[in-house]
Amino acid sequence: MLLRKIEKFLRESGMPPSLFGRMAANDPRLVGDLRNGRTPRAALESRVEHFMNLHRRTPS
């Protein structure tokens, strides 16, 4: 589920939900909407997962 992946990313990165939504999908309300039951389309899921893959902290 996309929301679980996003929540994990937010915990690990310390990024605020609104900043994540703005950067990943140009939608600062994205995380809040998903938490309230919004169902993302496949293209949005793909874009968000790509963003998370690019911005994960790499182990030192």
PDB file of N, CA and C in Angstrom:
ATOM      1  N   MET A   1       0.846  -1.180   0.000  1.00  0.00           N
ATOM      2  CA  MET A   1       0.000   0.000   0.000  1.00  0.00           C
ATOM      3  C   MET A   1       0.894   1.247   0.000  1.00  0.00           C
ATOM      4  N   LEU A   2       0.572   2.171  -0.858  1.00  0.00           N
ATOM      5  CA  LEU A   2       1.386   3.367  -1.043  1.00  0.00           C
ATOM      6  C   LEU A   2       1.491   4.188   0.245  1.00  0.00           C
ATOM      7  N   LEU A   3       0.407   4.356   0.948  1.00  0.00           N
ATOM      8  CA  LEU A   3       0.436   5.181   2.154  1.00  0.00           C
ATOM      9  C   LEU A   3       1.418   4.624   3.186  1.00  0.00           C
ATOM     10  N   ARG A   4       1.484   3.323   3.339  1.00  0.00           N
ATOM     11  CA  ARG A   4       2.433   2.729   4.291  1.00  0.00           C
ATOM     12  C   ARG A   4       3.867   3.046   3.884  1.00  0.00           C
ATOM     13  N   LYS A   5       4.151   2.961   2.593  1.00  0.00           N
ATOM     14  CA  LYS A   5       5.491   3.270   2.096  1.00  0.00           C
ATOM     15  C   LYS A   5       5.832   4.741   2.347  1.00  0.00           C
ATOM     16  N   ILE A   6       4.853   5.609   2.131  1.00  0.00           N
ATOM     17  CA  ILE A   6       5.069   7.038   2.354  1.00  0.00           C
ATOM     18  C   ILE A   6       5.306   7.313   3.836  1.00  0.00           C
ATOM     19  N   GLU A   7       4.486   6.720   4.699  1.00  0.00           N
ATOM     20  CA  GLU A   7       4.643   6.935   6.143  1.00  0.00           C
ATOM     21  C   GLU A   7       6.022   6.479   6.603  1.00  0.00           C
ATOM     22  N   LYS A   8       6.496   5.350   6.102  1.00  0.00           N
ATOM     23  CA  LYS A   8       7.824   4.861   6.449  1.00  0.00           C
ATOM     24  C   LYS A   8       8.893   5.839   5.962  1.00  0.00           C
ATOM     25  N   PHE A   9       8.745   6.319   4.724  1.00  0.00           N
ATOM     26  CA  PHE A   9       9.691   7.280   4.168  1.00  0.00           C
ATOM     27  C   PHE A   9       9.716   8.550   5.015  1.00  0.00           C
ATOM     28  N   LEU A  10       8.555   9.044   5.420  1.00  0.00           N
ATOM     29  CA  LEU A  10       8.493  10.259   6.230  1.00  0.00           C
ATOM     30  C   LEU A  10       9.187  10.069   7.572  1.00  0.00           C
ATOM     31  N   ARG A  11       8.980   8.910   8.203  1.00  0.00           N
ATOM     32  CA  ARG A  11       9.653   8.635   9.489  1.00  0.00           C
ATOM     33  C   ARG A  11      11.164   8.593   9.307  1.00  0.00           C
ATOM     34  N   GLU A  12      11.606   7.903   8.271  1.00  0.00           N
ATOM     35  CA  GLU A  12      13.046   7.734   8.051  1.00  0.00           C
ATOM     36  C   GLU A  12      13.733   9.033   7.632  1.00  0.00           C
ATOM     37  N   SER A  13      13.042   9.829   6.842  1.00  0.00           N
ATOM     38  CA  SER A  13      13.667  11.038   6.308  1.00  0.00           C
ATOM     39  C   SER A  13      13.457  12.264   7.195  1.00  0.00           C
ATOM     40  N   GLY A  14      12.416  12.253   8.007  1.00  0.00           N
ATOM     41  CA  GLY A  14      12.097  13.415   8.816  1.00  0.00           C
ATOM     42  C   GLY A  14      11.442  14.532   8.009  1.00  0.00           C
ATOM     43  N   MET A  15      11.037  14.226   6.798  1.00  0.00           N
ATOM     44  CA  MET A  15      10.421  15.221   5.918  1.00  0.00           C
ATOM     45  C   MET A  15       8.962  15.453   6.333  1.00  0.00           C
ATOM     46  N   PRO A  16       8.528  16.697   6.392  1.00  0.00           N
ATOM     47  CA  PRO A  16       7.125  16.981   6.696  1.00  0.00           C
ATOM     48  C   PRO A  16       6.214  16.497   5.560  1.00  0.00           C
ATOM     49  N   PRO A  17       5.011  16.035   5.893  1.00  0.00           N
ATOM     50  CA  PRO A  17       4.094  15.520   4.865  1.00  0.00           C
ATOM     51  C   PRO A  17       3.785  16.520   3.755  1.00  0.00           C
ATOM     52  N   SER A  18       3.605  17.785   4.092  1.00  0.00           N
ATOM     53  CA  SER A  18       3.256  18.762   3.052  1.00  0.00           C
ATOM     54  C   SER A  18       4.417  18.985   2.089  1.00  0.00           C
ATOM     55  N   LEU A  19       5.635  19.004   2.603  1.00  0.00           N
ATOM     56  CA  LEU A  19       6.804  19.154   1.732  1.00  0.00           C
ATOM     57  C   LEU A  19       6.953  17.932   0.834  1.00  0.00           C
ATOM     58  N   PHE A  20       6.741  16.754   1.411  1.00  0.00           N
ATOM     59  CA  PHE A  20       6.806  15.527   0.618  1.00  0.00           C
ATOM     60  C   PHE A  20       5.813  15.587  -0.539  1.00  0.00           C
ATOM     61  N   GLY A  21       4.568  15.917  -0.229  1.00  0.00           N
ATOM     62  CA  GLY A  21       3.544  15.980  -1.274  1.00  0.00           C
ATOM     63  C   GLY A  21       3.876  16.995  -2.348  1.00  0.00           C
ATOM     64  N   ARG A  22       4.382  18.143  -1.931  1.00  0.00           N
ATOM     65  CA  ARG A  22       4.743  19.194  -2.883  1.00  0.00           C
ATOM     66  C   ARG A  22       5.877  18.735  -3.790  1.00  0.00           C
ATOM     67  N   MET A  23       6.890  18.115  -3.201  1.00  0.00           N
ATOM     68  CA  MET A  23       8.052  17.703  -3.985  1.00  0.00           C
ATOM     69  C   MET A  23       7.766  16.472  -4.847  1.00  0.00           C
ATOM     70  N   ALA A  24       7.007  15.534  -4.331  1.00  0.00           N
ATOM     71  CA  ALA A  24       6.770  14.278  -5.043  1.00  0.00           C
ATOM     72  C   ALA A  24       5.686  14.387  -6.106  1.00  0.00           C
ATOM     73  N   ALA A  25       4.679  15.224  -5.849  1.00  0.00           N
ATOM     74  CA  ALA A  25       3.531  15.232  -6.753  1.00  0.00           C
ATOM     75  C   ALA A  25       2.950  16.620  -6.996  1.00  0.00           C
ATOM     76  N   ASN A  26       3.663  17.653  -6.546  1.00  0.00           N
ATOM     77  CA  ASN A  26       3.164  19.023  -6.688  1.00  0.00           C
ATOM     78  C   ASN A  26       1.793  19.185  -6.028  1.00  0.00           C
ATOM     79  N   ASP A  27       1.598  18.491  -4.889  1.00  0.00           N
ATOM     80  CA  ASP A  27       0.326  18.516  -4.175  1.00  0.00           C
ATOM     81  C   ASP A  27       0.608  18.459  -2.675  1.00  0.00           C
ATOM     82  N   PRO A  28       0.652  19.616  -2.000  1.00  0.00           N
ATOM     83  CA  PRO A  28       0.978  19.618  -0.575  1.00  0.00           C
ATOM     84  C   PRO A  28      -0.042  18.882   0.292  1.00  0.00           C
ATOM     85  N   ARG A  29      -1.231  18.626  -0.222  1.00  0.00           N
ATOM     86  CA  ARG A  29      -2.263  17.916   0.538  1.00  0.00           C
ATOM     87  C   ARG A  29      -2.268  16.410   0.279  1.00  0.00           C
ATOM     88  N   LEU A  30      -1.331  15.931  -0.506  1.00  0.00           N
ATOM     89  CA  LEU A  30      -1.320  14.522  -0.917  1.00  0.00           C
ATOM     90  C   LEU A  30      -1.393  13.563   0.265  1.00  0.00           C
ATOM     91  N   VAL A  31      -0.480  13.698   1.219  1.00  0.00           N
ATOM     92  CA  VAL A  31      -0.422  12.744   2.335  1.00  0.00           C
ATOM     93  C   VAL A  31      -1.703  12.808   3.161  1.00  0.00           C
ATOM     94  N   GLY A  32      -2.164  13.994   3.457  1.00  0.00           N
ATOM     95  CA  GLY A  32      -3.411  14.126   4.210  1.00  0.00           C
ATOM     96  C   GLY A  32      -4.585  13.512   3.483  1.00  0.00           C
ATOM     97  N   ASP A  33      -4.658  13.730   2.187  1.00  0.00           N
ATOM     98  CA  ASP A  33      -5.742  13.140   1.395  1.00  0.00           C
ATOM     99  C   ASP A  33      -5.661  11.614   1.393  1.00  0.00           C
ATOM    100  N   LEU A  34      -4.450  11.073   1.261  1.00  0.00           N
ATOM    101  CA  LEU A  34      -4.290   9.615   1.293  1.00  0.00           C
ATOM    102  C   LEU A  34      -4.690   9.072   2.656  1.00  0.00           C
ATOM    103  N   ARG A  35      -4.329   9.782   3.711  1.00  0.00           N
ATOM    104  CA  ARG A  35      -4.708   9.362   5.069  1.00  0.00           C
ATOM    105  C   ARG A  35      -6.221   9.371   5.242  1.00  0.00           C
ATOM    106  N   ASN A  36      -6.896  10.229   4.484  1.00  0.00           N
ATOM    107  CA  ASN A  36      -8.355  10.326   4.569  1.00  0.00           C
ATOM    108  C   ASN A  36      -9.074   9.472   3.545  1.00  0.00           C
ATOM    109  N   GLY A  37      -8.344   8.584   2.853  1.00  0.00           N
ATOM    110  CA  GLY A  37      -9.001   7.626   1.977  1.00  0.00           C
ATOM    111  C   GLY A  37      -8.873   7.853   0.485  1.00  0.00           C
ATOM    112  N   ARG A  38      -8.146   8.874   0.064  1.00  0.00           N
ATOM    113  CA  ARG A  38      -7.953   9.105  -1.372  1.00  0.00           C
ATOM    114  C   ARG A  38      -7.262   7.895  -1.997  1.00  0.00           C
ATOM    115  N   THR A  39      -7.745   7.483  -3.158  1.00  0.00           N
ATOM    116  CA  THR A  39      -7.142   6.372  -3.885  1.00  0.00           C
ATOM    117  C   THR A  39      -6.326   6.945  -5.039  1.00  0.00           C
ATOM    118  N   PRO A  40      -5.001   6.745  -5.003  1.00  0.00           N
ATOM    119  CA  PRO A  40      -4.161   7.312  -6.064  1.00  0.00           C
ATOM    120  C   PRO A  40      -4.246   6.498  -7.349  1.00  0.00           C
ATOM    121  N   ARG A  41      -4.105   7.163  -8.464  1.00  0.00           N
ATOM    122  CA  ARG A  41      -4.034   6.476  -9.753  1.00  0.00           C
ATOM    123  C   ARG A  41      -2.649   5.876  -9.919  1.00  0.00           C
ATOM    124  N   ALA A  42      -2.527   4.977 -10.871  1.00  0.00           N
ATOM    125  CA  ALA A  42      -1.265   4.272 -11.096  1.00  0.00           C
ATOM    126  C   ALA A  42      -0.126   5.235 -11.419  1.00  0.00           C
ATOM    127  N   ALA A  43      -0.391   6.256 -12.216  1.00  0.00           N
ATOM    128  CA  ALA A  43       0.655   7.212 -12.593  1.00  0.00           C
ATOM    129  C   ALA A  43       1.170   7.969 -11.369  1.00  0.00           C
ATOM    130  N   LEU A  44       0.280   8.349 -10.469  1.00  0.00           N
ATOM    131  CA  LEU A  44       0.688   9.051  -9.255  1.00  0.00           C
ATOM    132  C   LEU A  44       1.508   8.126  -8.365  1.00  0.00           C
ATOM    133  N   GLU A  45       1.061   6.896  -8.204  1.00  0.00           N
ATOM    134  CA  GLU A  45       1.813   5.926  -7.401  1.00  0.00           C
ATOM    135  C   GLU A  45       3.226   5.769  -7.939  1.00  0.00           C
ATOM    136  N   SER A  46       3.330   5.639  -9.234  1.00  0.00           N
ATOM    137  CA  SER A  46       4.632   5.467  -9.869  1.00  0.00           C
ATOM    138  C   SER A  46       5.526   6.677  -9.627  1.00  0.00           C
ATOM    139  N   ARG A  47       4.978   7.868  -9.788  1.00  0.00           N
ATOM    140  CA  ARG A  47       5.738   9.107  -9.602  1.00  0.00           C
ATOM    141  C   ARG A  47       6.217   9.243  -8.149  1.00  0.00           C
ATOM    142  N   VAL A  48       5.339   8.927  -7.206  1.00  0.00           N
ATOM    143  CA  VAL A  48       5.681   9.043  -5.785  1.00  0.00           C
ATOM    144  C   VAL A  48       6.741   8.011  -5.403  1.00  0.00           C
ATOM    145  N   GLU A  49       6.597   6.786  -5.877  1.00  0.00           N
ATOM    146  CA  GLU A  49       7.591   5.760  -5.564  1.00  0.00           C
ATOM    147  C   GLU A  49       8.942   6.112  -6.177  1.00  0.00           C
ATOM    148  N   HIS A  50       8.935   6.674  -7.374  1.00  0.00           N
ATOM    149  CA  HIS A  50      10.180   7.102  -8.009  1.00  0.00           C
ATOM    150  C   HIS A  50      10.846   8.191  -7.163  1.00  0.00           C
ATOM    151  N   PHE A  51      10.063   9.149  -6.697  1.00  0.00           N
ATOM    152  CA  PHE A  51      10.600  10.211  -5.842  1.00  0.00           C
ATOM    153  C   PHE A  51      11.238   9.622  -4.586  1.00  0.00           C
ATOM    154  N   MET A  52      10.534   8.693  -3.928  1.00  0.00           N
ATOM    155  CA  MET A  52      11.074   8.109  -2.698  1.00  0.00           C
ATOM    156  C   MET A  52      12.368   7.345  -2.978  1.00  0.00           C
ATOM    157  N   ASN A  53      12.428   6.636  -4.081  1.00  0.00           N
ATOM    158  CA  ASN A  53      13.642   5.896  -4.426  1.00  0.00           C
ATOM    159  C   ASN A  53      14.824   6.837  -4.660  1.00  0.00           C
ATOM    160  N   LEU A  54      14.575   7.973  -5.257  1.00  0.00           N
ATOM    161  CA  LEU A  54      15.653   8.926  -5.518  1.00  0.00           C
ATOM    162  C   LEU A  54      16.125   9.646  -4.262  1.00  0.00           C
ATOM    163  N   HIS A  55      15.237   9.799  -3.288  1.00  0.00           N
ATOM    164  CA  HIS A  55      15.548  10.625  -2.118  1.00  0.00           C
ATOM    165  C   HIS A  55      15.759   9.848  -0.834  1.00  0.00           C
ATOM    166  N   ARG A  56      15.857   8.552  -0.912  1.00  0.00           N
ATOM    167  CA  ARG A  56      16.150   7.774   0.308  1.00  0.00           C
ATOM    168  C   ARG A  56      17.560   8.080   0.764  1.00  0.00           C
ATOM    169  N   ARG A  57      17.726   8.133   2.063  1.00  0.00           N
ATOM    170  CA  ARG A  57      19.060   8.343   2.623  1.00  0.00           C
ATOM    171  C   ARG A  57      19.859   7.071   2.429  1.00  0.00           C
ATOM    172  N   THR A  58      21.038   7.228   1.912  1.00  0.00           N
ATOM    173  CA  THR A  58      21.900   6.064   1.728  1.00  0.00           C
ATOM    174  C   THR A  58      22.716   5.841   2.987  1.00  0.00           C
ATOM    175  N   PRO A  59      22.903   4.580   3.374  1.00  0.00           N
ATOM    176  CA  PRO A  59      23.688   4.312   4.584  1.00  0.00           C
ATOM    177  C   PRO A  59      25.136   4.770   4.423  1.00  0.00           C
ATOM    178  N   SER A  60      25.709   5.301   5.474  1.00  0.00           N
ATOM    179  CA  SER A  60      27.090   5.806   5.421  1.00  0.00           C
ATOM    180  C   SER A  60      28.076   4.715   5.732  1.00  0.00           C
TER     181      SER A  60
END
